[in-house]
Amino acid sequence: MESIEAEVCVESGKSDRQGRRIRGTAEWSSILDRYDSSGLTQAAFCAREGLRFGTLVAWLGRRRKNGGNLSEPELPEPKFHELSLNSTPDSPSANLEVTLTDGTVLRGTQARELADLIGFLRA
């Protein structure tokens, strides 16, 4: 009986369900810098680096869209307003209504119970 020797190399880092490596923004920034200085066509660079052509094109487009920067544009800080209700758990005097971003409307008279329900729905 013959014996077969094999070596399995596992790259560290994240991968998707098909086993393709997931690269972060910092790594793609480095890859795009190498592409810029390579003087190669996109197809030739992908062949040399073992990258998918469409993925390189997508990251180049993302960089161009963000004005040469790969990081996502900063989103404005959400604005919150503090609301005080003059009611007690024994005698609720206000009907509360909360509309979630997906359009779901929650109604009740107990703020704590509504907050708990929202937390449950987000989990």
PDB file of N, CA and C in Angstrom:
ATOM      1  N   MET A   1       0.841  -1.173   0.000  1.00  0.00           N
ATOM      2  CA  MET A   1       0.000   0.000   0.000  1.00  0.00           C
ATOM      3  C   MET A   1       0.888   1.238   0.000  1.00  0.00           C
ATOM      4  N   GLU A   2       0.569   2.195  -0.865  1.00  0.00           N
ATOM      5  CA  GLU A   2       1.338   3.431  -0.954  1.00  0.00           C
ATOM      6  C   GLU A   2       0.879   4.413   0.099  1.00  0.00           C
ATOM      7  N   SER A   3       1.811   5.194   0.546  1.00  0.00           N
ATOM      8  CA  SER A   3       1.429   6.278   1.456  1.00  0.00           C
ATOM      9  C   SER A   3       1.552   7.595   0.698  1.00  0.00           C
ATOM     10  N   ILE A   4       0.678   8.469   1.002  1.00  0.00           N
ATOM     11  CA  ILE A   4       0.652   9.778   0.356  1.00  0.00           C
ATOM     12  C   ILE A   4       0.878  10.835   1.422  1.00  0.00           C
ATOM     13  N   GLU A   5       1.840  11.688   1.143  1.00  0.00           N
ATOM     14  CA  GLU A   5       2.065  12.800   2.053  1.00  0.00           C
ATOM     15  C   GLU A   5       1.426  14.041   1.469  1.00  0.00           C
ATOM     16  N   ALA A   6       0.735  14.779   2.302  1.00  0.00           N
ATOM     17  CA  ALA A   6       0.098  16.005   1.848  1.00  0.00           C
ATOM     18  C   ALA A   6       0.269  17.063   2.921  1.00  0.00           C
ATOM     19  N   GLU A   7       0.354  18.266   2.464  1.00  0.00           N
ATOM     20  CA  GLU A   7       0.473  19.388   3.388  1.00  0.00           C
ATOM     21  C   GLU A   7      -0.702  20.316   3.145  1.00  0.00           C
ATOM     22  N   VAL A   8      -1.374  20.659   4.193  1.00  0.00           N
ATOM     23  CA  VAL A   8      -2.515  21.555   4.085  1.00  0.00           C
ATOM     24  C   VAL A   8      -2.086  22.908   4.627  1.00  0.00           C
ATOM     25  N   CYS A   9      -2.237  23.923   3.806  1.00  0.00           N
ATOM     26  CA  CYS A   9      -1.905  25.280   4.218  1.00  0.00           C
ATOM     27  C   CYS A   9      -3.208  26.033   4.459  1.00  0.00           C
ATOM     28  N   VAL A  10      -3.344  26.546   5.631  1.00  0.00           N
ATOM     29  CA  VAL A  10      -4.533  27.314   5.960  1.00  0.00           C
ATOM     30  C   VAL A  10      -4.097  28.745   6.201  1.00  0.00           C
ATOM     31  N   GLU A  11      -4.641  29.671   5.415  1.00  0.00           N
ATOM     32  CA  GLU A  11      -4.330  31.074   5.608  1.00  0.00           C
ATOM     33  C   GLU A  11      -5.102  31.594   6.794  1.00  0.00           C
ATOM     34  N   SER A  12      -4.427  32.428   7.560  1.00  0.00           N
ATOM     35  CA  SER A  12      -5.161  33.049   8.655  1.00  0.00           C
ATOM     36  C   SER A  12      -6.018  34.165   8.083  1.00  0.00           C
ATOM     37  N   GLY A  13      -7.027  34.529   8.795  1.00  0.00           N
ATOM     38  CA  GLY A  13      -7.917  35.579   8.325  1.00  0.00           C
ATOM     39  C   GLY A  13      -9.283  35.025   8.025  1.00  0.00           C
ATOM     40  N   LYS A  14     -10.134  35.890   7.560  1.00  0.00           N
ATOM     41  CA  LYS A  14     -11.521  35.510   7.302  1.00  0.00           C
ATOM     42  C   LYS A  14     -11.678  35.001   5.877  1.00  0.00           C
ATOM     43  N   SER A  15     -12.672  34.144   5.704  1.00  0.00           N
ATOM     44  CA  SER A  15     -13.010  33.672   4.367  1.00  0.00           C
ATOM     45  C   SER A  15     -14.518  33.483   4.291  1.00  0.00           C
ATOM     46  N   ASP A  16     -15.029  33.526   3.045  1.00  0.00           N
ATOM     47  CA  ASP A  16     -16.463  33.353   2.878  1.00  0.00           C
ATOM     48  C   ASP A  16     -16.789  31.864   2.789  1.00  0.00           C
ATOM     49  N   ARG A  17     -18.037  31.539   2.509  1.00  0.00           N
ATOM     50  CA  ARG A  17     -18.467  30.134   2.494  1.00  0.00           C
ATOM     51  C   ARG A  17     -17.824  29.322   1.384  1.00  0.00           C
ATOM     52  N   GLN A  18     -17.386  29.996   0.323  1.00  0.00           N
ATOM     53  CA  GLN A  18     -16.712  29.288  -0.766  1.00  0.00           C
ATOM     54  C   GLN A  18     -15.207  29.174  -0.514  1.00  0.00           C
ATOM     55  N   GLY A  19     -14.739  29.656   0.626  1.00  0.00           N
ATOM     56  CA  GLY A  19     -13.335  29.565   0.968  1.00  0.00           C
ATOM     57  C   GLY A  19     -12.496  30.708   0.415  1.00  0.00           C
ATOM     58  N   ARG A  20     -13.150  31.704  -0.186  1.00  0.00           N
ATOM     59  CA  ARG A  20     -12.409  32.834  -0.720  1.00  0.00           C
ATOM     60  C   ARG A  20     -12.004  33.754   0.424  1.00  0.00           C
ATOM     61  N   ARG A  21     -10.806  34.251   0.335  1.00  0.00           N
ATOM     62  CA  ARG A  21     -10.250  35.104   1.371  1.00  0.00           C
ATOM     63  C   ARG A  21     -10.946  36.464   1.369  1.00  0.00           C
ATOM     64  N   ILE A  22     -11.269  36.955   2.556  1.00  0.00           N
ATOM     65  CA  ILE A  22     -11.869  38.271   2.708  1.00  0.00           C
ATOM     66  C   ILE A  22     -10.780  39.229   3.159  1.00  0.00           C
ATOM     67  N   ARG A  23     -10.555  40.245   2.362  1.00  0.00           N
ATOM     68  CA  ARG A  23      -9.523  41.227   2.667  1.00  0.00           C
ATOM     69  C   ARG A  23     -10.178  42.494   3.208  1.00  0.00           C
ATOM     70  N   GLY A  24      -9.496  43.142   4.129  1.00  0.00           N
ATOM     71  CA  GLY A  24     -10.005  44.378   4.699  1.00  0.00           C
ATOM     72  C   GLY A  24      -9.619  45.587   3.859  1.00  0.00           C
ATOM     73  N   THR A  25     -10.122  46.732   4.268  1.00  0.00           N
ATOM     74  CA  THR A  25      -9.869  47.972   3.549  1.00  0.00           C
ATOM     75  C   THR A  25      -8.380  48.304   3.500  1.00  0.00           C
ATOM     76  N   ALA A  26      -7.669  48.092   4.598  1.00  0.00           N
ATOM     77  CA  ALA A  26      -6.232  48.405   4.628  1.00  0.00           C
ATOM     78  C   ALA A  26      -5.467  47.546   3.624  1.00  0.00           C
ATOM     79  N   GLU A  27      -5.816  46.263   3.543  1.00  0.00           N
ATOM     80  CA  GLU A  27      -5.133  45.382   2.593  1.00  0.00           C
ATOM     81  C   GLU A  27      -5.450  45.782   1.161  1.00  0.00           C
ATOM     82  N   TRP A  28      -6.714  46.151   0.891  1.00  0.00           N
ATOM     83  CA  TRP A  28      -7.073  46.571  -0.463  1.00  0.00           C
ATOM     84  C   TRP A  28      -6.391  47.880  -0.828  1.00  0.00           C
ATOM     85  N   SER A  29      -6.188  48.747   0.132  1.00  0.00           N
ATOM     86  CA  SER A  29      -5.462  49.988  -0.129  1.00  0.00           C
ATOM     87  C   SER A  29      -4.047  49.676  -0.593  1.00  0.00           C
ATOM     88  N   SER A  30      -3.414  48.720   0.061  1.00  0.00           N
ATOM     89  CA  SER A  30      -2.065  48.293  -0.326  1.00  0.00           C
ATOM     90  C   SER A  30      -2.065  47.650  -1.717  1.00  0.00           C
ATOM     91  N   ILE A  31      -3.061  46.818  -1.982  1.00  0.00           N
ATOM     92  CA  ILE A  31      -3.164  46.159  -3.289  1.00  0.00           C
ATOM     93  C   ILE A  31      -3.334  47.200  -4.391  1.00  0.00           C
ATOM     94  N   LEU A  32      -4.190  48.190  -4.164  1.00  0.00           N
ATOM     95  CA  LEU A  32      -4.417  49.213  -5.181  1.00  0.00           C
ATOM     96  C   LEU A  32      -3.184  50.089  -5.389  1.00  0.00           C
ATOM     97  N   ASP A  33      -2.428  50.326  -4.325  1.00  0.00           N
ATOM     98  CA  ASP A  33      -1.163  51.060  -4.479  1.00  0.00           C
ATOM     99  C   ASP A  33      -0.193  50.265  -5.347  1.00  0.00           C
ATOM    100  N   ARG A  34      -0.126  48.941  -5.128  1.00  0.00           N
ATOM    101  CA  ARG A  34       0.747  48.091  -5.956  1.00  0.00           C
ATOM    102  C   ARG A  34       0.282  48.096  -7.405  1.00  0.00           C
ATOM    103  N   TYR A  35      -1.037  48.068  -7.606  1.00  0.00           N
ATOM    104  CA  TYR A  35      -1.564  48.118  -8.971  1.00  0.00           C
ATOM    105  C   TYR A  35      -1.172  49.433  -9.636  1.00  0.00           C
ATOM    106  N   ASP A  36      -1.344  50.548  -8.922  1.00  0.00           N
ATOM    107  CA  ASP A  36      -1.027  51.856  -9.483  1.00  0.00           C
ATOM    108  C   ASP A  36       0.431  51.940  -9.931  1.00  0.00           C
ATOM    109  N   SER A  37       1.320  51.350  -9.153  1.00  0.00           N
ATOM    110  CA  SER A  37       2.750  51.450  -9.489  1.00  0.00           C
ATOM    111  C   SER A  37       3.238  50.309 -10.378  1.00  0.00           C
ATOM    112  N   SER A  38       2.376  49.342 -10.687  1.00  0.00           N
ATOM    113  CA  SER A  38       2.821  48.174 -11.459  1.00  0.00           C
ATOM    114  C   SER A  38       2.983  48.468 -12.944  1.00  0.00           C
ATOM    115  N   GLY A  39       2.194  49.375 -13.476  1.00  0.00           N
ATOM    116  CA  GLY A  39       2.230  49.636 -14.920  1.00  0.00           C
ATOM    117  C   GLY A  39       1.545  48.552 -15.734  1.00  0.00           C
ATOM    118  N   LEU A  40       0.877  47.619 -15.053  1.00  0.00           N
ATOM    119  CA  LEU A  40       0.194  46.520 -15.733  1.00  0.00           C
ATOM    120  C   LEU A  40      -1.251  46.887 -16.017  1.00  0.00           C
ATOM    121  N   THR A  41      -1.850  46.168 -16.954  1.00  0.00           N
ATOM    122  CA  THR A  41      -3.288  46.303 -17.154  1.00  0.00           C
ATOM    123  C   THR A  41      -3.980  45.652 -15.952  1.00  0.00           C
ATOM    124  N   GLN A  42      -5.249  45.960 -15.807  1.00  0.00           N
ATOM    125  CA  GLN A  42      -5.985  45.362 -14.693  1.00  0.00           C
ATOM    126  C   GLN A  42      -5.972  43.841 -14.794  1.00  0.00           C
ATOM    127  N   ALA A  43      -6.199  43.321 -15.992  1.00  0.00           N
ATOM    128  CA  ALA A  43      -6.233  41.863 -16.182  1.00  0.00           C
ATOM    129  C   ALA A  43      -4.883  41.235 -15.868  1.00  0.00           C
ATOM    130  N   ALA A  44      -3.800  41.860 -16.332  1.00  0.00           N
ATOM    131  CA  ALA A  44      -2.459  41.306 -16.083  1.00  0.00           C
ATOM    132  C   ALA A  44      -2.123  41.361 -14.594  1.00  0.00           C
ATOM    133  N   PHE A  45      -2.497  42.446 -13.935  1.00  0.00           N
ATOM    134  CA  PHE A  45      -2.235  42.563 -12.501  1.00  0.00           C
ATOM    135  C   PHE A  45      -2.996  41.494 -11.726  1.00  0.00           C
ATOM    136  N   CYS A  46      -4.261  41.277 -12.098  1.00  0.00           N
ATOM    137  CA  CYS A  46      -5.066  40.252 -11.419  1.00  0.00           C
ATOM    138  C   CYS A  46      -4.458  38.866 -11.609  1.00  0.00           C
ATOM    139  N   ALA A  47      -4.000  38.581 -12.814  1.00  0.00           N
ATOM    140  CA  ALA A  47      -3.381  37.275 -13.075  1.00  0.00           C
ATOM    141  C   ALA A  47      -2.123  37.101 -12.231  1.00  0.00           C
ATOM    142  N   ARG A  48      -1.312  38.159 -12.140  1.00  0.00           N
ATOM    143  CA  ARG A  48      -0.073  38.080 -11.363  1.00  0.00           C
ATOM    144  C   ARG A  48      -0.348  37.927  -9.868  1.00  0.00           C
ATOM    145  N   GLU A  49      -1.370  38.625  -9.369  1.00  0.00           N
ATOM    146  CA  GLU A  49      -1.647  38.642  -7.926  1.00  0.00           C
ATOM    147  C   GLU A  49      -2.639  37.567  -7.481  1.00  0.00           C
ATOM    148  N   GLY A  50      -3.270  36.886  -8.443  1.00  0.00           N
ATOM    149  CA  GLY A  50      -4.264  35.876  -8.087  1.00  0.00           C
ATOM    150  C   GLY A  50      -5.567  36.481  -7.598  1.00  0.00           C
ATOM    151  N   LEU A  51      -5.943  37.597  -8.180  1.00  0.00           N
ATOM    152  CA  LEU A  51      -7.174  38.285  -7.794  1.00  0.00           C
ATOM    153  C   LEU A  51      -8.240  38.103  -8.861  1.00  0.00           C
ATOM    154  N   ARG A  52      -9.492  38.218  -8.457  1.00  0.00           N
ATOM    155  CA  ARG A  52     -10.585  38.218  -9.433  1.00  0.00           C
ATOM    156  C   ARG A  52     -10.662  39.606 -10.053  1.00  0.00           C
ATOM    157  N   PHE A  53     -10.795  39.637 -11.375  1.00  0.00           N
ATOM    158  CA  PHE A  53     -10.833  40.891 -12.114  1.00  0.00           C
ATOM    159  C   PHE A  53     -11.965  41.790 -11.615  1.00  0.00           C
ATOM    160  N   GLY A  54     -13.154  41.234 -11.468  1.00  0.00           N
ATOM    161  CA  GLY A  54     -14.311  42.025 -11.031  1.00  0.00           C
ATOM    162  C   GLY A  54     -14.127  42.625  -9.650  1.00  0.00           C
ATOM    163  N   THR A  55     -13.428  41.916  -8.785  1.00  0.00           N
ATOM    164  CA  THR A  55     -13.192  42.426  -7.436  1.00  0.00           C
ATOM    165  C   THR A  55     -12.247  43.622  -7.478  1.00  0.00           C
ATOM    166  N   LEU A  56     -11.194  43.518  -8.271  1.00  0.00           N
ATOM    167  CA  LEU A  56     -10.269  44.647  -8.413  1.00  0.00           C
ATOM    168  C   LEU A  56     -11.002  45.865  -8.974  1.00  0.00           C
ATOM    169  N   VAL A  57     -11.790  45.655 -10.007  1.00  0.00           N
ATOM    170  CA  VAL A  57     -12.533  46.761 -10.623  1.00  0.00           C
ATOM    171  C   VAL A  57     -13.482  47.398  -9.605  1.00  0.00           C
ATOM    172  N   ALA A  58     -14.138  46.584  -8.791  1.00  0.00           N
ATOM    173  CA  ALA A  58     -15.062  47.110  -7.780  1.00  0.00           C
ATOM    174  C   ALA A  58     -14.326  47.978  -6.762  1.00  0.00           C
ATOM    175  N   TRP A  59     -13.156  47.536  -6.296  1.00  0.00           N
ATOM    176  CA  TRP A  59     -12.394  48.318  -5.326  1.00  0.00           C
ATOM    177  C   TRP A  59     -11.825  49.581  -5.950  1.00  0.00           C
ATOM    178  N   LEU A  60     -11.431  49.524  -7.222  1.00  0.00           N
ATOM    179  CA  LEU A  60     -10.989  50.737  -7.904  1.00  0.00           C
ATOM    180  C   LEU A  60     -12.137  51.744  -8.008  1.00  0.00           C
ATOM    181  N   GLY A  61     -13.329  51.246  -8.318  1.00  0.00           N
ATOM    182  CA  GLY A  61     -14.502  52.112  -8.391  1.00  0.00           C
ATOM    183  C   GLY A  61     -14.848  52.724  -7.046  1.00  0.00           C
ATOM    184  N   ARG A  62     -14.737  51.932  -5.984  1.00  0.00           N
ATOM    185  CA  ARG A  62     -15.023  52.438  -4.641  1.00  0.00           C
ATOM    186  C   ARG A  62     -14.054  53.561  -4.282  1.00  0.00           C
ATOM    187  N   ARG A  63     -12.771  53.350  -4.627  1.00  0.00           N
ATOM    188  CA  ARG A  63     -11.770  54.380  -4.336  1.00  0.00           C
ATOM    189  C   ARG A  63     -12.068  55.657  -5.129  1.00  0.00           C
ATOM    190  N   ARG A  64     -12.398  55.503  -6.395  1.00  0.00           N
ATOM    191  CA  ARG A  64     -12.694  56.660  -7.237  1.00  0.00           C
ATOM    192  C   ARG A  64     -13.938  57.399  -6.716  1.00  0.00           C
ATOM    193  N   LYS A  65     -14.950  56.653  -6.323  1.00  0.00           N
ATOM    194  CA  LYS A  65     -16.196  57.244  -5.827  1.00  0.00           C
ATOM    195  C   LYS A  65     -15.957  58.059  -4.561  1.00  0.00           C
ATOM    196  N   ASN A  66     -15.023  57.613  -3.724  1.00  0.00           N
ATOM    197  CA  ASN A  66     -14.737  58.300  -2.460  1.00  0.00           C
ATOM    198  C   ASN A  66     -13.581  59.287  -2.586  1.00  0.00           C
ATOM    199  N   GLY A  67     -13.322  59.745  -3.804  1.00  0.00           N
ATOM    200  CA  GLY A  67     -12.299  60.774  -4.002  1.00  0.00           C
ATOM    201  C   GLY A  67     -10.888  60.307  -3.718  1.00  0.00           C
ATOM    202  N   GLY A  68     -10.570  59.061  -4.048  1.00  0.00           N
ATOM    203  CA  GLY A  68      -9.218  58.540  -3.844  1.00  0.00           C
ATOM    204  C   GLY A  68      -8.994  57.909  -2.492  1.00  0.00           C
ATOM    205  N   ASN A  69     -10.023  57.840  -1.688  1.00  0.00           N
ATOM    206  CA  ASN A  69      -9.912  57.286  -0.343  1.00  0.00           C
ATOM    207  C   ASN A  69     -10.802  56.054  -0.247  1.00  0.00           C
ATOM    208  N   LEU A  70     -10.286  54.969   0.325  1.00  0.00           N
ATOM    209  CA  LEU A  70     -11.076  53.745   0.428  1.00  0.00           C
ATOM    210  C   LEU A  70     -12.015  53.723   1.627  1.00  0.00           C
ATOM    211  N   SER A  71     -11.725  54.533   2.627  1.00  0.00           N
ATOM    212  CA  SER A  71     -12.587  54.487   3.806  1.00  0.00           C
ATOM    213  C   SER A  71     -13.958  55.039   3.466  1.00  0.00           C
ATOM    214  N   GLU A  72     -14.941  54.535   4.142  1.00  0.00           N
ATOM    215  CA  GLU A  72     -16.319  54.957   3.918  1.00  0.00           C
ATOM    216  C   GLU A  72     -16.487  56.392   4.399  1.00  0.00           C
ATOM    217  N   PRO A  73     -17.293  57.171   3.711  1.00  0.00           N
ATOM    218  CA  PRO A  73     -17.532  58.530   4.183  1.00  0.00           C
ATOM    219  C   PRO A  73     -18.213  58.510   5.546  1.00  0.00           C
ATOM    220  N   GLU A  74     -17.861  59.491   6.376  1.00  0.00           N
ATOM    221  CA  GLU A  74     -18.434  59.531   7.723  1.00  0.00           C
ATOM    222  C   GLU A  74     -19.910  59.888   7.658  1.00  0.00           C
ATOM    223  N   LEU A  75     -20.685  59.157   8.410  1.00  0.00           N
ATOM    224  CA  LEU A  75     -22.113  59.430   8.495  1.00  0.00           C
ATOM    225  C   LEU A  75     -22.355  60.450   9.596  1.00  0.00           C
ATOM    226  N   PRO A  76     -23.336  61.290   9.435  1.00  0.00           N
ATOM    227  CA  PRO A  76     -23.614  62.254  10.501  1.00  0.00           C
ATOM    228  C   PRO A  76     -24.080  61.539  11.757  1.00  0.00           C
ATOM    229  N   GLU A  77     -23.771  62.139  12.884  1.00  0.00           N
ATOM    230  CA  GLU A  77     -24.190  61.569  14.163  1.00  0.00           C
ATOM    231  C   GLU A  77     -25.715  61.594  14.248  1.00  0.00           C
ATOM    232  N   PRO A  78     -26.317  60.508  14.728  1.00  0.00           N
ATOM    233  CA  PRO A  78     -27.774  60.536  14.889  1.00  0.00           C
ATOM    234  C   PRO A  78     -28.159  61.547  15.968  1.00  0.00           C
ATOM    235  N   LYS A  79     -29.317  62.136  15.800  1.00  0.00           N
ATOM    236  CA  LYS A  79     -29.788  63.120  16.766  1.00  0.00           C
ATOM    237  C   LYS A  79     -30.868  62.492  17.637  1.00  0.00           C
ATOM    238  N   PHE A  80     -30.719  62.681  18.927  1.00  0.00           N
ATOM    239  CA  PHE A  80     -31.686  62.146  19.866  1.00  0.00           C
ATOM    240  C   PHE A  80     -32.258  63.294  20.680  1.00  0.00           C
ATOM    241  N   HIS A  81     -33.491  63.165  21.064  1.00  0.00           N
ATOM    242  CA  HIS A  81     -34.136  64.150  21.912  1.00  0.00           C
ATOM    243  C   HIS A  81     -34.635  63.440  23.160  1.00  0.00           C
ATOM    244  N   GLU A  82     -34.302  64.016  24.305  1.00  0.00           N
ATOM    245  CA  GLU A  82     -34.757  63.432  25.564  1.00  0.00           C
ATOM    246  C   GLU A  82     -36.223  63.781  25.767  1.00  0.00           C
ATOM    247  N   LEU A  83     -36.975  62.815  26.224  1.00  0.00           N
ATOM    248  CA  LEU A  83     -38.403  63.005  26.432  1.00  0.00           C
ATOM    249  C   LEU A  83     -38.747  62.558  27.846  1.00  0.00           C
ATOM    250  N   SER A  84     -39.391  63.399  28.584  1.00  0.00           N
ATOM    251  CA  SER A  84     -39.825  63.058  29.941  1.00  0.00           C
ATOM    252  C   SER A  84     -41.340  62.942  29.939  1.00  0.00           C
ATOM    253  N   LEU A  85     -41.840  61.879  30.535  1.00  0.00           N
ATOM    254  CA  LEU A  85     -43.286  61.671  30.643  1.00  0.00           C
ATOM    255  C   LEU A  85     -43.682  61.765  32.102  1.00  0.00           C
ATOM    256  N   ASN A  86     -44.733  62.480  32.350  1.00  0.00           N
ATOM    257  CA  ASN A  86     -45.232  62.629  33.712  1.00  0.00           C
ATOM    258  C   ASN A  86     -46.280  61.567  33.993  1.00  0.00           C
ATOM    259  N   SER A  87     -45.820  60.341  34.200  1.00  0.00           N
ATOM    260  CA  SER A  87     -46.741  59.264  34.563  1.00  0.00           C
ATOM    261  C   SER A  87     -46.001  58.294  35.463  1.00  0.00           C
ATOM    262  N   THR A  88     -46.738  57.539  36.204  1.00  0.00           N
ATOM    263  CA  THR A  88     -46.156  56.530  37.081  1.00  0.00           C
ATOM    264  C   THR A  88     -46.633  55.171  36.612  1.00  0.00           C
ATOM    265  N   PRO A  89     -45.905  54.106  36.976  1.00  0.00           N
ATOM    266  CA  PRO A  89     -46.353  52.778  36.562  1.00  0.00           C
ATOM    267  C   PRO A  89     -47.752  52.443  37.064  1.00  0.00           C
ATOM    268  N   ASP A  90     -48.165  53.047  38.222  1.00  0.00           N
ATOM    269  CA  ASP A  90     -49.493  52.754  38.773  1.00  0.00           C
ATOM    270  C   ASP A  90     -50.606  53.464  38.007  1.00  0.00           C
ATOM    271  N   SER A  91     -50.304  54.650  37.479  1.00  0.00           N
ATOM    272  CA  SER A  91     -51.347  55.396  36.769  1.00  0.00           C
ATOM    273  C   SER A  91     -50.783  55.999  35.482  1.00  0.00           C
ATOM    274  N   PRO A  92     -50.644  55.165  34.466  1.00  0.00           N
ATOM    275  CA  PRO A  92     -50.130  55.705  33.217  1.00  0.00           C
ATOM    276  C   PRO A  92     -51.126  56.687  32.613  1.00  0.00           C
ATOM    277  N   SER A  93     -50.611  57.838  32.184  1.00  0.00           N
ATOM    278  CA  SER A  93     -51.522  58.836  31.638  1.00  0.00           C
ATOM    279  C   SER A  93     -51.246  59.122  30.167  1.00  0.00           C
ATOM    280  N   ALA A  94     -50.281  58.426  29.589  1.00  0.00           N
ATOM    281  CA  ALA A  94     -49.934  58.726  28.195  1.00  0.00           C
ATOM    282  C   ALA A  94     -49.959  57.459  27.365  1.00  0.00           C
ATOM    283  N   ASN A  95     -50.479  57.581  26.172  1.00  0.00           N
ATOM    284  CA  ASN A  95     -50.367  56.487  25.210  1.00  0.00           C
ATOM    285  C   ASN A  95     -49.104  56.739  24.400  1.00  0.00           C
ATOM    286  N   LEU A  96     -48.250  55.733  24.311  1.00  0.00           N
ATOM    287  CA  LEU A  96     -46.977  55.870  23.614  1.00  0.00           C
ATOM    288  C   LEU A  96     -47.044  55.147  22.281  1.00  0.00           C
ATOM    289  N   GLU A  97     -46.371  55.698  21.313  1.00  0.00           N
ATOM    290  CA  GLU A  97     -46.286  55.069  19.996  1.00  0.00           C
ATOM    291  C   GLU A  97     -44.851  55.211  19.504  1.00  0.00           C
ATOM    292  N   VAL A  98     -44.252  54.089  19.106  1.00  0.00           N
ATOM    293  CA  VAL A  98     -42.892  54.076  18.579  1.00  0.00           C
ATOM    294  C   VAL A  98     -42.954  53.503  17.177  1.00  0.00           C
ATOM    295  N   THR A  99     -42.385  54.233  16.215  1.00  0.00           N
ATOM    296  CA  THR A  99     -42.311  53.744  14.841  1.00  0.00           C
ATOM    297  C   THR A  99     -40.864  53.374  14.559  1.00  0.00           C
ATOM    298  N   LEU A 100     -40.624  52.114  14.244  1.00  0.00           N
ATOM    299  CA  LEU A 100     -39.274  51.642  13.936  1.00  0.00           C
ATOM    300  C   LEU A 100     -38.924  51.984  12.501  1.00  0.00           C
ATOM    301  N   THR A 101     -37.632  51.891  12.173  1.00  0.00           N
ATOM    302  CA  THR A 101     -37.163  52.261  10.831  1.00  0.00           C
ATOM    303  C   THR A 101     -37.770  51.406   9.731  1.00  0.00           C
ATOM    304  N   ASP A 102     -38.179  50.181  10.048  1.00  0.00           N
ATOM    305  CA  ASP A 102     -38.783  49.320   9.021  1.00  0.00           C
ATOM    306  C   ASP A 102     -40.283  49.561   8.880  1.00  0.00           C
ATOM    307  N   GLY A 103     -40.816  50.544   9.618  1.00  0.00           N
ATOM    308  CA  GLY A 103     -42.228  50.868   9.516  1.00  0.00           C
ATOM    309  C   GLY A 103     -43.098  50.220  10.581  1.00  0.00           C
ATOM    310  N   THR A 104     -42.539  49.329  11.367  1.00  0.00           N
ATOM    311  CA  THR A 104     -43.287  48.680  12.439  1.00  0.00           C
ATOM    312  C   THR A 104     -43.681  49.722  13.481  1.00  0.00           C
ATOM    313  N   VAL A 105     -44.938  49.691  13.894  1.00  0.00           N
ATOM    314  CA  VAL A 105     -45.438  50.633  14.896  1.00  0.00           C
ATOM    315  C   VAL A 105     -45.754  49.854  16.168  1.00  0.00           C
ATOM    316  N   LEU A 106     -45.211  50.310  17.286  1.00  0.00           N
ATOM    317  CA  LEU A 106     -45.471  49.709  18.593  1.00  0.00           C
ATOM    318  C   LEU A 106     -46.240  50.726  19.423  1.00  0.00           C
ATOM    319  N   ARG A 107     -47.311  50.279  20.071  1.00  0.00           N
ATOM    320  CA  ARG A 107     -48.120  51.165  20.905  1.00  0.00           C
ATOM    321  C   ARG A 107     -48.262  50.561  22.303  1.00  0.00           C
ATOM    322  N   GLY A 108     -48.290  51.428  23.279  1.00  0.00           N
ATOM    323  CA  GLY A 108     -48.465  50.963  24.641  1.00  0.00           C
ATOM    324  C   GLY A 108     -48.532  52.138  25.593  1.00  0.00           C
ATOM    325  N   THR A 109     -48.654  51.817  26.869  1.00  0.00           N
ATOM    326  CA  THR A 109     -48.713  52.865  27.879  1.00  0.00           C
ATOM    327  C   THR A 109     -47.526  52.795  28.833  1.00  0.00           C
ATOM    328  N   GLN A 110     -46.763  51.705  28.788  1.00  0.00           N
ATOM    329  CA  GLN A 110     -45.620  51.521  29.677  1.00  0.00           C
ATOM    330  C   GLN A 110     -44.317  51.679  28.888  1.00  0.00           C
ATOM    331  N   ALA A 111     -43.600  52.755  29.166  1.00  0.00           N
ATOM    332  CA  ALA A 111     -42.361  53.037  28.431  1.00  0.00           C
ATOM    333  C   ALA A 111     -41.338  51.903  28.607  1.00  0.00           C
ATOM    334  N   ARG A 112     -41.228  51.379  29.809  1.00  0.00           N
ATOM    335  CA  ARG A 112     -40.243  50.322  30.076  1.00  0.00           C
ATOM    336  C   ARG A 112     -40.560  49.071  29.252  1.00  0.00           C
ATOM    337  N   GLU A 113     -41.829  48.701  29.186  1.00  0.00           N
ATOM    338  CA  GLU A 113     -42.221  47.523  28.406  1.00  0.00           C
ATOM    339  C   GLU A 113     -41.964  47.732  26.917  1.00  0.00           C
ATOM    340  N   LEU A 114     -42.229  48.941  26.415  1.00  0.00           N
ATOM    341  CA  LEU A 114     -41.939  49.224  25.007  1.00  0.00           C
ATOM    342  C   LEU A 114     -40.434  49.155  24.733  1.00  0.00           C
ATOM    343  N   ALA A 115     -39.644  49.691  25.651  1.00  0.00           N
ATOM    344  CA  ALA A 115     -38.188  49.644  25.492  1.00  0.00           C
ATOM    345  C   ALA A 115     -37.692  48.200  25.492  1.00  0.00           C
ATOM    346  N   ASP A 116     -38.235  47.371  26.379  1.00  0.00           N
ATOM    347  CA  ASP A 116     -37.865  45.955  26.422  1.00  0.00           C
ATOM    348  C   ASP A 116     -38.250  45.248  25.121  1.00  0.00           C
ATOM    349  N   LEU A 117     -39.427  45.571  24.606  1.00  0.00           N
ATOM    350  CA  LEU A 117     -39.882  44.965  23.357  1.00  0.00           C
ATOM    351  C   LEU A 117     -38.977  45.362  22.187  1.00  0.00           C
ATOM    352  N   ILE A 118     -38.604  46.629  22.135  1.00  0.00           N
ATOM    353  CA  ILE A 118     -37.689  47.090  21.078  1.00  0.00           C
ATOM    354  C   ILE A 118     -36.360  46.361  21.187  1.00  0.00           C
ATOM    355  N   GLY A 119     -35.853  46.219  22.390  1.00  0.00           N
ATOM    356  CA  GLY A 119     -34.590  45.481  22.591  1.00  0.00           C
ATOM    357  C   GLY A 119     -34.709  44.034  22.136  1.00  0.00           C
ATOM    358  N   PHE A 120     -35.840  43.405  22.421  1.00  0.00           N
ATOM    359  CA  PHE A 120     -36.071  42.016  21.992  1.00  0.00           C
ATOM    360  C   PHE A 120     -36.114  41.914  20.468  1.00  0.00           C
ATOM    361  N   LEU A 121     -36.800  42.870  19.823  1.00  0.00           N
ATOM    362  CA  LEU A 121     -36.914  42.838  18.369  1.00  0.00           C
ATOM    363  C   LEU A 121     -35.580  43.081  17.674  1.00  0.00           C
ATOM    364  N   ARG A 122     -34.723  43.856  18.278  1.00  0.00           N
ATOM    365  CA  ARG A 122     -33.399  44.126  17.692  1.00  0.00           C
ATOM    366  C   ARG A 122     -32.440  42.966  17.856  1.00  0.00           C
ATOM    367  N   ALA A 123     -32.665  42.104  18.827  1.00  0.00           N
ATOM    368  CA  ALA A 123     -31.740  40.995  19.100  1.00  0.00           C
ATOM    369  C   ALA A 123     -31.803  39.928  18.060  1.00  0.00           C
TER     370      ALA A 123
END
